Amino acid sequence: MPAATCPPPATAPSARAYRPRRPAASLLHEVVRTNLETRLAGAAARDEYGRGVPLHVEAALRKPREPS
């Protein structure tokens, strides 16, 4: 019994140049940066114990942004 063969791929994917992302230039980054203090204060006010967001989350949000 002959072995089954697979047809060759139609075309190989084309190589693209790498384009680094710039998260600091995004709208989401701008909104978080602009409203961070208000959102953290609101989270603490809504929390039953006044803690707000976990400290590691707050630290990550406050981390200085990388230069774009």
N, C-alpha and C. Protein backbone atom coordinates (compact mmCIF):
# COMPACT_ATOMS: atom_id res chain seq x y z
N MET A 1 0.84 -1.18 0.00
CA MET A 1 0.00 0.00 0.00
C MET A 1 0.89 1.24 0.00
N PRO A 2 0.71 2.19 -0.95
CA PRO A 2 1.57 3.37 -1.01
C PRO A 2 1.27 4.33 0.15
N ALA A 3 2.30 5.00 0.57
CA ALA A 3 2.15 5.97 1.67
C ALA A 3 1.46 7.23 1.15
N ALA A 4 0.60 7.80 1.98
CA ALA A 4 -0.11 9.04 1.61
C ALA A 4 0.86 10.21 1.69
N THR A 5 0.78 11.07 0.74
CA THR A 5 1.65 12.25 0.76
C THR A 5 0.80 13.50 0.88
N CYS A 6 1.34 14.47 1.56
CA CYS A 6 0.65 15.76 1.72
C CYS A 6 1.08 16.69 0.59
N PRO A 7 0.16 17.47 0.08
CA PRO A 7 0.55 18.43 -0.95
C PRO A 7 1.42 19.53 -0.35
N PRO A 8 2.31 20.10 -1.12
CA PRO A 8 3.16 21.19 -0.58
C PRO A 8 2.30 22.40 -0.27
N PRO A 9 2.74 23.23 0.68
CA PRO A 9 1.97 24.44 0.99
C PRO A 9 1.87 25.34 -0.23
N ALA A 10 0.74 26.00 -0.37
CA ALA A 10 0.50 26.86 -1.53
C ALA A 10 1.54 27.97 -1.62
N THR A 11 1.69 28.70 -0.54
CA THR A 11 2.70 29.76 -0.51
C THR A 11 3.24 29.87 0.90
N ALA A 12 4.47 30.25 1.01
CA ALA A 12 5.07 30.48 2.33
C ALA A 12 4.65 31.87 2.81
N PRO A 13 4.47 32.03 4.13
CA PRO A 13 4.10 33.36 4.63
C PRO A 13 5.21 34.37 4.31
N SER A 14 4.80 35.57 3.97
CA SER A 14 5.79 36.59 3.63
C SER A 14 6.41 37.15 4.91
N ALA A 15 7.67 37.44 4.84
CA ALA A 15 8.38 38.01 5.98
C ALA A 15 8.05 39.49 6.08
N ARG A 16 7.72 39.93 7.28
CA ARG A 16 7.41 41.34 7.50
C ARG A 16 8.47 41.93 8.41
N ALA A 17 8.67 43.21 8.29
CA ALA A 17 9.61 43.91 9.16
C ALA A 17 8.98 44.05 10.54
N TYR A 18 9.78 43.91 11.57
CA TYR A 18 9.30 44.06 12.94
C TYR A 18 9.03 45.53 13.23
N ARG A 19 7.85 45.80 13.76
CA ARG A 19 7.50 47.15 14.17
C ARG A 19 7.23 47.12 15.67
N PRO A 20 8.08 47.73 16.48
CA PRO A 20 7.86 47.70 17.92
C PRO A 20 6.59 48.45 18.29
N ARG A 21 5.91 47.96 19.29
CA ARG A 21 4.69 48.62 19.76
C ARG A 21 5.08 49.78 20.65
N ARG A 22 4.18 50.75 20.74
CA ARG A 22 4.39 51.91 21.60
C ARG A 22 3.19 52.06 22.52
N PRO A 23 3.12 51.28 23.60
CA PRO A 23 1.95 51.33 24.46
C PRO A 23 1.73 52.70 25.11
N ALA A 24 2.80 53.43 25.35
CA ALA A 24 2.66 54.75 25.98
C ALA A 24 1.95 55.74 25.07
N ALA A 25 1.86 55.43 23.79
CA ALA A 25 1.19 56.33 22.85
C ALA A 25 -0.28 55.95 22.63
N SER A 26 -0.75 54.92 23.32
CA SER A 26 -2.13 54.46 23.10
C SER A 26 -3.14 55.28 23.89
N LEU A 27 -4.36 55.25 23.44
CA LEU A 27 -5.44 55.97 24.12
C LEU A 27 -5.67 55.39 25.52
N LEU A 28 -5.63 54.08 25.66
CA LEU A 28 -5.82 53.46 26.97
C LEU A 28 -4.77 53.95 27.97
N HIS A 29 -3.54 54.00 27.54
CA HIS A 29 -2.46 54.46 28.42
C HIS A 29 -2.71 55.90 28.85
N GLU A 30 -3.14 56.73 27.94
CA GLU A 30 -3.43 58.14 28.25
C GLU A 30 -4.58 58.27 29.25
N VAL A 31 -5.63 57.49 29.06
CA VAL A 31 -6.78 57.54 29.97
C VAL A 31 -6.39 57.10 31.37
N VAL A 32 -5.64 56.02 31.47
CA VAL A 32 -5.20 55.55 32.79
C VAL A 32 -4.29 56.58 33.44
N ARG A 33 -3.36 57.11 32.69
CA ARG A 33 -2.41 58.09 33.24
C ARG A 33 -3.15 59.34 33.72
N THR A 34 -4.13 59.80 32.96
CA THR A 34 -4.85 61.02 33.30
C THR A 34 -5.77 60.84 34.51
N ASN A 35 -6.37 59.66 34.64
CA ASN A 35 -7.39 59.45 35.67
C ASN A 35 -6.96 58.51 36.80
N LEU A 36 -5.68 58.22 36.93
CA LEU A 36 -5.23 57.22 37.89
C LEU A 36 -5.60 57.59 39.33
N GLU A 37 -5.28 58.79 39.76
CA GLU A 37 -5.55 59.18 41.15
C GLU A 37 -7.04 59.11 41.48
N THR A 38 -7.87 59.58 40.58
CA THR A 38 -9.32 59.54 40.79
C THR A 38 -9.82 58.11 40.92
N ARG A 39 -9.34 57.24 40.04
CA ARG A 39 -9.79 55.84 40.05
C ARG A 39 -9.31 55.12 41.31
N LEU A 40 -8.07 55.38 41.75
CA LEU A 40 -7.56 54.73 42.96
C LEU A 40 -8.33 55.21 44.19
N ALA A 41 -8.62 56.49 44.25
CA ALA A 41 -9.39 57.03 45.37
C ALA A 41 -10.80 56.45 45.37
N GLY A 42 -11.40 56.34 44.20
CA GLY A 42 -12.75 55.76 44.10
C GLY A 42 -12.77 54.29 44.51
N ALA A 43 -11.73 53.55 44.14
CA ALA A 43 -11.66 52.14 44.51
C ALA A 43 -11.53 52.00 46.03
N ALA A 44 -10.75 52.86 46.64
CA ALA A 44 -10.60 52.82 48.10
C ALA A 44 -11.90 53.19 48.79
N ALA A 45 -12.63 54.14 48.24
CA ALA A 45 -13.90 54.57 48.84
C ALA A 45 -14.95 53.47 48.73
N ARG A 46 -14.92 52.69 47.64
CA ARG A 46 -15.91 51.63 47.46
C ARG A 46 -15.58 50.37 48.24
N ASP A 47 -14.31 50.21 48.62
CA ASP A 47 -13.89 49.01 49.33
C ASP A 47 -14.40 49.05 50.77
N GLU A 48 -14.90 47.94 51.22
CA GLU A 48 -15.46 47.84 52.57
C GLU A 48 -14.43 48.21 53.64
N TYR A 49 -13.16 47.91 53.39
CA TYR A 49 -12.11 48.17 54.37
C TYR A 49 -11.23 49.38 54.01
N GLY A 50 -11.56 50.06 52.93
CA GLY A 50 -10.82 51.24 52.52
C GLY A 50 -9.47 50.96 51.90
N ARG A 51 -9.26 49.74 51.43
CA ARG A 51 -7.96 49.37 50.87
C ARG A 51 -7.83 49.69 49.40
N GLY A 52 -8.89 49.65 48.65
CA GLY A 52 -8.82 49.91 47.21
C GLY A 52 -8.21 48.75 46.45
N VAL A 53 -7.35 49.05 45.51
CA VAL A 53 -6.73 48.00 44.69
C VAL A 53 -5.53 47.41 45.43
N PRO A 54 -5.15 46.17 45.11
CA PRO A 54 -3.96 45.59 45.75
C PRO A 54 -2.71 46.44 45.48
N LEU A 55 -1.78 46.41 46.42
CA LEU A 55 -0.58 47.24 46.31
C LEU A 55 0.24 46.94 45.07
N HIS A 56 0.31 45.66 44.67
CA HIS A 56 1.11 45.34 43.48
C HIS A 56 0.47 45.90 42.21
N VAL A 57 -0.85 46.02 42.20
CA VAL A 57 -1.53 46.61 41.04
C VAL A 57 -1.27 48.11 41.01
N GLU A 58 -1.38 48.75 42.16
CA GLU A 58 -1.12 50.19 42.22
C GLU A 58 0.33 50.49 41.83
N ALA A 59 1.27 49.67 42.30
CA ALA A 59 2.68 49.88 41.95
C ALA A 59 2.89 49.74 40.45
N ALA A 60 2.24 48.76 39.83
CA ALA A 60 2.39 48.57 38.38
C ALA A 60 1.79 49.75 37.62
N LEU A 61 0.68 50.29 38.11
CA LEU A 61 0.06 51.43 37.43
C LEU A 61 0.88 52.70 37.61
N ARG A 62 1.58 52.81 38.72
CA ARG A 62 2.37 54.01 38.98
C ARG A 62 3.78 53.94 38.40
N LYS A 63 4.18 52.77 37.90
CA LYS A 63 5.54 52.61 37.39
C LYS A 63 5.79 53.64 36.29
N PRO A 64 6.96 54.28 36.33
CA PRO A 64 7.24 55.29 35.30
C PRO A 64 7.19 54.68 33.91
N ARG A 65 6.66 55.43 32.99
CA ARG A 65 6.54 54.91 31.63
C ARG A 65 7.89 54.92 30.94
N GLU A 66 8.00 54.02 29.97
CA GLU A 66 9.23 53.93 29.18
C GLU A 66 9.19 55.04 28.13
N PRO A 67 10.35 55.58 27.81
CA PRO A 67 10.36 56.62 26.76
C PRO A 67 9.91 56.05 25.43
N SER A 68 9.13 56.82 24.68
CA SER A 68 8.64 56.32 23.39
C SER A 68 9.51 56.75 22.25
